[in-house]
Amino acid sequence: YVYVYICSEEYQPDLIFLDQYMASTEKQMVGTEVASAMRSRGVTSVICGLSANNMRDKFLNAGANGFILKPMPVKQQELQNTLITLFKQSDSMSMSTYAQKSTSQI
């Protein structure tokens, strides 16, 4: 799992984009599974799900902070506004929220 290598107690990126369907040569996990696995391992980075299909609820339920419907905005102001909104949303959520979601889904 790639996220195991990039996220540790010492290093967690500020923002992680997860596409729902990521190509893989080995066992393929969908983005919502990766988001859930990352949260269960204590990753606190802002996670944003991506998909060409509206999967907002699935990503949010998996622990993502936000969702962007592809194609992603490419105009500077639009992308900046999207990222500001994403970080504001993450500030209003806490890890206890993710823990409650995880235990309620078991």
N, C-alpha and C. Protein backbone atom coordinates (compact mmCIF):
# COMPACT_ATOMS: atom_id res chain seq x y z
N TYR A 1 0.83 -1.18 0.00
CA TYR A 1 0.00 0.00 0.00
C TYR A 1 0.87 1.24 0.00
N VAL A 2 0.69 2.09 -0.96
CA VAL A 2 1.51 3.29 -1.11
C VAL A 2 1.35 4.21 0.09
N TYR A 3 0.14 4.38 0.60
CA TYR A 3 -0.08 5.32 1.70
C TYR A 3 0.71 4.96 2.93
N VAL A 4 1.03 3.69 3.13
CA VAL A 4 1.84 3.28 4.27
C VAL A 4 3.22 3.90 4.18
N TYR A 5 3.74 4.02 2.98
CA TYR A 5 5.08 4.55 2.78
C TYR A 5 5.13 6.07 2.86
N ILE A 6 4.07 6.75 2.43
CA ILE A 6 4.13 8.20 2.42
C ILE A 6 3.60 8.84 3.70
N CYS A 7 2.82 8.12 4.48
CA CYS A 7 2.25 8.68 5.69
C CYS A 7 2.76 7.93 6.91
N SER A 8 3.37 8.65 7.79
CA SER A 8 3.86 8.07 9.04
C SER A 8 3.68 9.11 10.12
N GLU A 9 4.04 8.77 11.34
CA GLU A 9 3.94 9.74 12.42
C GLU A 9 4.83 10.95 12.15
N GLU A 10 5.98 10.73 11.51
CA GLU A 10 6.91 11.82 11.25
C GLU A 10 6.51 12.67 10.05
N TYR A 11 5.83 12.07 9.09
CA TYR A 11 5.49 12.81 7.88
C TYR A 11 4.08 12.47 7.43
N GLN A 12 3.26 13.50 7.37
CA GLN A 12 1.94 13.36 6.77
C GLN A 12 1.74 14.58 5.89
N PRO A 13 1.45 14.35 4.62
CA PRO A 13 1.25 15.49 3.72
C PRO A 13 0.05 16.33 4.15
N ASP A 14 0.04 17.59 3.75
CA ASP A 14 -1.08 18.46 4.08
C ASP A 14 -2.36 18.03 3.37
N LEU A 15 -2.21 17.54 2.15
CA LEU A 15 -3.37 17.21 1.32
C LEU A 15 -3.10 15.96 0.50
N ILE A 16 -4.07 15.06 0.47
CA ILE A 16 -3.98 13.83 -0.32
C ILE A 16 -5.21 13.76 -1.21
N PHE A 17 -5.00 13.63 -2.51
CA PHE A 17 -6.09 13.39 -3.44
C PHE A 17 -6.18 11.90 -3.70
N LEU A 18 -7.38 11.34 -3.59
CA LEU A 18 -7.60 9.92 -3.86
C LEU A 18 -8.65 9.76 -4.95
N ASP A 19 -8.24 9.18 -6.05
CA ASP A 19 -9.19 8.86 -7.11
C ASP A 19 -9.91 7.58 -6.72
N GLN A 20 -11.19 7.48 -7.01
CA GLN A 20 -11.94 6.29 -6.63
C GLN A 20 -11.38 5.03 -7.29
N TYR A 21 -11.04 5.13 -8.56
CA TYR A 21 -10.53 3.96 -9.27
C TYR A 21 -9.09 4.22 -9.69
N MET A 22 -8.15 3.72 -8.90
CA MET A 22 -6.73 3.92 -9.16
C MET A 22 -6.16 2.67 -9.80
N ALA A 23 -5.38 2.87 -10.84
CA ALA A 23 -4.76 1.72 -11.50
C ALA A 23 -3.70 1.11 -10.59
N SER A 24 -3.62 -0.20 -10.62
CA SER A 24 -2.65 -0.91 -9.79
C SER A 24 -2.26 -2.20 -10.47
N THR A 25 -1.01 -2.61 -10.26
CA THR A 25 -0.57 -3.87 -10.82
C THR A 25 -0.85 -5.02 -9.86
N GLU A 26 -1.14 -4.69 -8.60
CA GLU A 26 -1.44 -5.71 -7.60
C GLU A 26 -2.89 -5.55 -7.17
N LYS A 27 -3.18 -5.99 -5.95
CA LYS A 27 -4.54 -5.88 -5.45
C LYS A 27 -4.99 -4.42 -5.50
N GLN A 28 -6.12 -4.20 -6.10
CA GLN A 28 -6.61 -2.84 -6.27
C GLN A 28 -7.61 -2.49 -5.19
N MET A 29 -7.35 -1.40 -4.49
CA MET A 29 -8.30 -0.85 -3.53
C MET A 29 -8.92 0.38 -4.17
N VAL A 30 -10.19 0.58 -3.96
CA VAL A 30 -10.81 1.81 -4.45
C VAL A 30 -10.52 2.93 -3.47
N GLY A 31 -10.67 4.15 -3.92
CA GLY A 31 -10.31 5.32 -3.11
C GLY A 31 -10.99 5.38 -1.76
N THR A 32 -12.26 4.98 -1.69
CA THR A 32 -12.96 5.01 -0.41
C THR A 32 -12.36 4.00 0.57
N GLU A 33 -11.90 2.86 0.07
CA GLU A 33 -11.24 1.88 0.94
C GLU A 33 -9.91 2.41 1.46
N VAL A 34 -9.18 3.10 0.59
CA VAL A 34 -7.90 3.67 0.99
C VAL A 34 -8.12 4.76 2.04
N ALA A 35 -9.11 5.62 1.83
CA ALA A 35 -9.41 6.68 2.80
C ALA A 35 -9.74 6.08 4.16
N SER A 36 -10.57 5.07 4.19
CA SER A 36 -10.95 4.42 5.43
C SER A 36 -9.74 3.78 6.10
N ALA A 37 -8.90 3.10 5.32
CA ALA A 37 -7.70 2.46 5.86
C ALA A 37 -6.73 3.50 6.43
N MET A 38 -6.60 4.63 5.73
CA MET A 38 -5.70 5.68 6.20
C MET A 38 -6.19 6.24 7.53
N ARG A 39 -7.47 6.49 7.65
CA ARG A 39 -8.02 7.03 8.89
C ARG A 39 -7.87 6.02 10.03
N SER A 40 -8.08 4.75 9.74
CA SER A 40 -7.95 3.75 10.80
C SER A 40 -6.51 3.59 11.27
N ARG A 41 -5.56 4.04 10.45
CA ARG A 41 -4.14 4.00 10.83
C ARG A 41 -3.65 5.34 11.38
N GLY A 42 -4.57 6.26 11.61
CA GLY A 42 -4.23 7.52 12.26
C GLY A 42 -3.77 8.63 11.35
N VAL A 43 -3.95 8.50 10.06
CA VAL A 43 -3.56 9.57 9.14
C VAL A 43 -4.51 10.75 9.33
N THR A 44 -3.94 11.92 9.60
CA THR A 44 -4.75 13.11 9.86
C THR A 44 -4.70 14.12 8.72
N SER A 45 -4.02 13.80 7.64
CA SER A 45 -3.94 14.70 6.48
C SER A 45 -5.34 14.97 5.94
N VAL A 46 -5.50 16.10 5.27
CA VAL A 46 -6.74 16.39 4.57
C VAL A 46 -6.82 15.44 3.38
N ILE A 47 -7.92 14.72 3.28
CA ILE A 47 -8.13 13.78 2.18
C ILE A 47 -9.28 14.28 1.32
N CYS A 48 -9.04 14.33 0.02
CA CYS A 48 -10.06 14.75 -0.93
C CYS A 48 -10.28 13.64 -1.94
N GLY A 49 -11.50 13.15 -2.01
CA GLY A 49 -11.84 12.12 -2.99
C GLY A 49 -12.08 12.72 -4.36
N LEU A 50 -11.77 11.95 -5.39
CA LEU A 50 -11.98 12.36 -6.77
C LEU A 50 -12.69 11.25 -7.53
N SER A 51 -13.63 11.63 -8.37
CA SER A 51 -14.27 10.64 -9.24
C SER A 51 -15.05 11.38 -10.32
N ALA A 52 -15.24 10.70 -11.44
CA ALA A 52 -16.08 11.24 -12.50
C ALA A 52 -17.56 11.01 -12.16
N ASN A 53 -17.81 10.17 -11.16
CA ASN A 53 -19.17 9.90 -10.68
C ASN A 53 -19.34 10.57 -9.33
N ASN A 54 -20.56 10.95 -9.00
CA ASN A 54 -20.78 11.62 -7.73
C ASN A 54 -20.71 10.60 -6.60
N MET A 55 -19.57 10.57 -5.93
CA MET A 55 -19.33 9.64 -4.82
C MET A 55 -19.05 10.41 -3.53
N ARG A 56 -19.56 11.63 -3.46
CA ARG A 56 -19.32 12.50 -2.31
C ARG A 56 -19.65 11.79 -0.99
N ASP A 57 -20.85 11.26 -0.87
CA ASP A 57 -21.26 10.64 0.39
C ASP A 57 -20.38 9.45 0.75
N LYS A 58 -20.01 8.63 -0.23
CA LYS A 58 -19.17 7.47 0.05
C LYS A 58 -17.80 7.89 0.56
N PHE A 59 -17.22 8.93 -0.06
CA PHE A 59 -15.91 9.41 0.40
C PHE A 59 -16.01 10.02 1.79
N LEU A 60 -17.02 10.83 2.03
CA LEU A 60 -17.16 11.46 3.34
C LEU A 60 -17.39 10.41 4.43
N ASN A 61 -18.18 9.40 4.12
CA ASN A 61 -18.42 8.32 5.09
C ASN A 61 -17.16 7.49 5.34
N ALA A 62 -16.24 7.48 4.38
CA ALA A 62 -14.98 6.74 4.53
C ALA A 62 -13.93 7.56 5.28
N GLY A 63 -14.23 8.82 5.57
CA GLY A 63 -13.30 9.64 6.33
C GLY A 63 -12.64 10.76 5.55
N ALA A 64 -12.99 10.92 4.28
CA ALA A 64 -12.43 12.02 3.49
C ALA A 64 -13.01 13.35 4.00
N ASN A 65 -12.25 14.41 3.80
CA ASN A 65 -12.70 15.74 4.21
C ASN A 65 -13.56 16.41 3.16
N GLY A 66 -13.40 15.97 1.93
CA GLY A 66 -14.15 16.59 0.85
C GLY A 66 -14.11 15.74 -0.40
N PHE A 67 -14.75 16.25 -1.43
CA PHE A 67 -14.87 15.52 -2.69
C PHE A 67 -14.90 16.52 -3.83
N ILE A 68 -14.22 16.18 -4.92
CA ILE A 68 -14.26 17.00 -6.13
C ILE A 68 -14.69 16.10 -7.28
N LEU A 69 -15.71 16.53 -7.98
CA LEU A 69 -16.17 15.81 -9.16
C LEU A 69 -15.23 16.12 -10.30
N LYS A 70 -14.72 15.08 -10.96
CA LYS A 70 -13.80 15.29 -12.08
C LYS A 70 -14.59 15.69 -13.32
N PRO A 71 -14.02 16.47 -14.19
CA PRO A 71 -12.64 16.95 -14.14
C PRO A 71 -12.47 18.04 -13.08
N MET A 72 -11.27 18.05 -12.47
CA MET A 72 -10.96 19.04 -11.45
C MET A 72 -10.93 20.43 -12.07
N PRO A 73 -11.24 21.45 -11.26
CA PRO A 73 -11.14 22.80 -11.80
C PRO A 73 -9.69 23.12 -12.14
N VAL A 74 -9.50 23.78 -13.29
CA VAL A 74 -8.13 24.09 -13.72
C VAL A 74 -7.85 25.59 -13.74
N LYS A 75 -8.89 26.39 -13.66
CA LYS A 75 -8.66 27.83 -13.59
C LYS A 75 -8.16 28.15 -12.19
N GLN A 76 -7.14 28.99 -12.11
CA GLN A 76 -6.47 29.26 -10.84
C GLN A 76 -7.43 29.68 -9.74
N GLN A 77 -8.30 30.64 -9.99
CA GLN A 77 -9.21 31.14 -8.95
C GLN A 77 -10.19 30.06 -8.51
N GLU A 78 -10.71 29.29 -9.45
CA GLU A 78 -11.66 28.23 -9.12
C GLU A 78 -11.00 27.14 -8.27
N LEU A 79 -9.78 26.74 -8.67
CA LEU A 79 -9.05 25.73 -7.91
C LEU A 79 -8.70 26.25 -6.52
N GLN A 80 -8.27 27.50 -6.44
CA GLN A 80 -7.93 28.10 -5.15
C GLN A 80 -9.15 28.12 -4.23
N ASN A 81 -10.30 28.50 -4.76
CA ASN A 81 -11.53 28.52 -3.95
C ASN A 81 -11.90 27.12 -3.47
N THR A 82 -11.74 26.13 -4.35
CA THR A 82 -12.02 24.75 -3.98
C THR A 82 -11.12 24.28 -2.86
N LEU A 83 -9.82 24.59 -2.95
CA LEU A 83 -8.87 24.17 -1.92
C LEU A 83 -9.12 24.89 -0.59
N ILE A 84 -9.44 26.16 -0.64
CA ILE A 84 -9.76 26.91 0.58
C ILE A 84 -10.97 26.29 1.26
N THR A 85 -12.00 25.98 0.49
CA THR A 85 -13.19 25.35 1.05
C THR A 85 -12.85 24.01 1.67
N LEU A 86 -12.02 23.23 1.00
CA LEU A 86 -11.62 21.91 1.50
C LEU A 86 -10.91 22.02 2.84
N PHE A 87 -9.97 22.95 2.96
CA PHE A 87 -9.25 23.11 4.22
C PHE A 87 -10.14 23.67 5.32
N LYS A 88 -11.09 24.53 4.98
CA LYS A 88 -12.03 25.02 5.98
C LYS A 88 -12.90 23.89 6.49
N GLN A 89 -13.34 23.01 5.58
CA GLN A 89 -14.15 21.86 5.99
C GLN A 89 -13.36 20.96 6.91
N SER A 90 -12.08 20.77 6.61
CA SER A 90 -11.26 19.89 7.45
C SER A 90 -11.06 20.48 8.84
N ASP A 91 -11.00 21.80 8.94
CA ASP A 91 -10.84 22.44 10.24
C ASP A 91 -12.07 22.21 11.12
N SER A 92 -13.23 22.06 10.50
CA SER A 92 -14.46 21.89 11.28
C SER A 92 -14.71 20.44 11.67
N MET A 93 -13.93 19.51 11.11
CA MET A 93 -14.07 18.09 11.46
C MET A 93 -12.94 17.70 12.40
N SER A 94 -13.21 16.74 13.25
CA SER A 94 -12.16 16.26 14.16
C SER A 94 -11.97 14.77 13.96
N MET A 95 -10.86 14.23 14.45
CA MET A 95 -10.61 12.81 14.34
C MET A 95 -11.65 12.00 15.11
N SER A 96 -12.25 12.58 16.14
CA SER A 96 -13.29 11.85 16.86
C SER A 96 -14.49 11.58 15.96
N THR A 97 -14.75 12.50 15.03
CA THR A 97 -15.82 12.28 14.06
C THR A 97 -15.51 11.05 13.23
N TYR A 98 -14.26 10.90 12.78
CA TYR A 98 -13.88 9.74 11.97
C TYR A 98 -13.98 8.47 12.80
N ALA A 99 -13.58 8.53 14.05
CA ALA A 99 -13.64 7.36 14.92
C ALA A 99 -15.09 6.93 15.13
N GLN A 100 -15.98 7.90 15.31
CA GLN A 100 -17.39 7.57 15.50
C GLN A 100 -17.96 6.93 14.24
N LYS A 101 -17.59 7.44 13.07
CA LYS A 101 -18.06 6.86 11.81
C LYS A 101 -17.54 5.44 11.67
N SER A 102 -16.28 5.21 11.98
CA SER A 102 -15.67 3.90 11.83
C SER A 102 -16.33 2.87 12.73
N THR A 103 -16.57 3.22 13.99
CA THR A 103 -17.16 2.26 14.91
C THR A 103 -18.63 2.04 14.62
N SER A 104 -19.31 3.04 14.10
CA SER A 104 -20.73 2.88 13.80
C SER A 104 -20.96 2.02 12.56
N GLN A 105 -19.92 1.88 11.72
CA GLN A 105 -20.07 1.10 10.49
C GLN A 105 -19.66 -0.35 10.69
N ILE A 106 -19.12 -0.71 11.85
CA ILE A 106 -18.66 -2.08 12.09
C ILE A 106 -19.84 -2.98 12.37
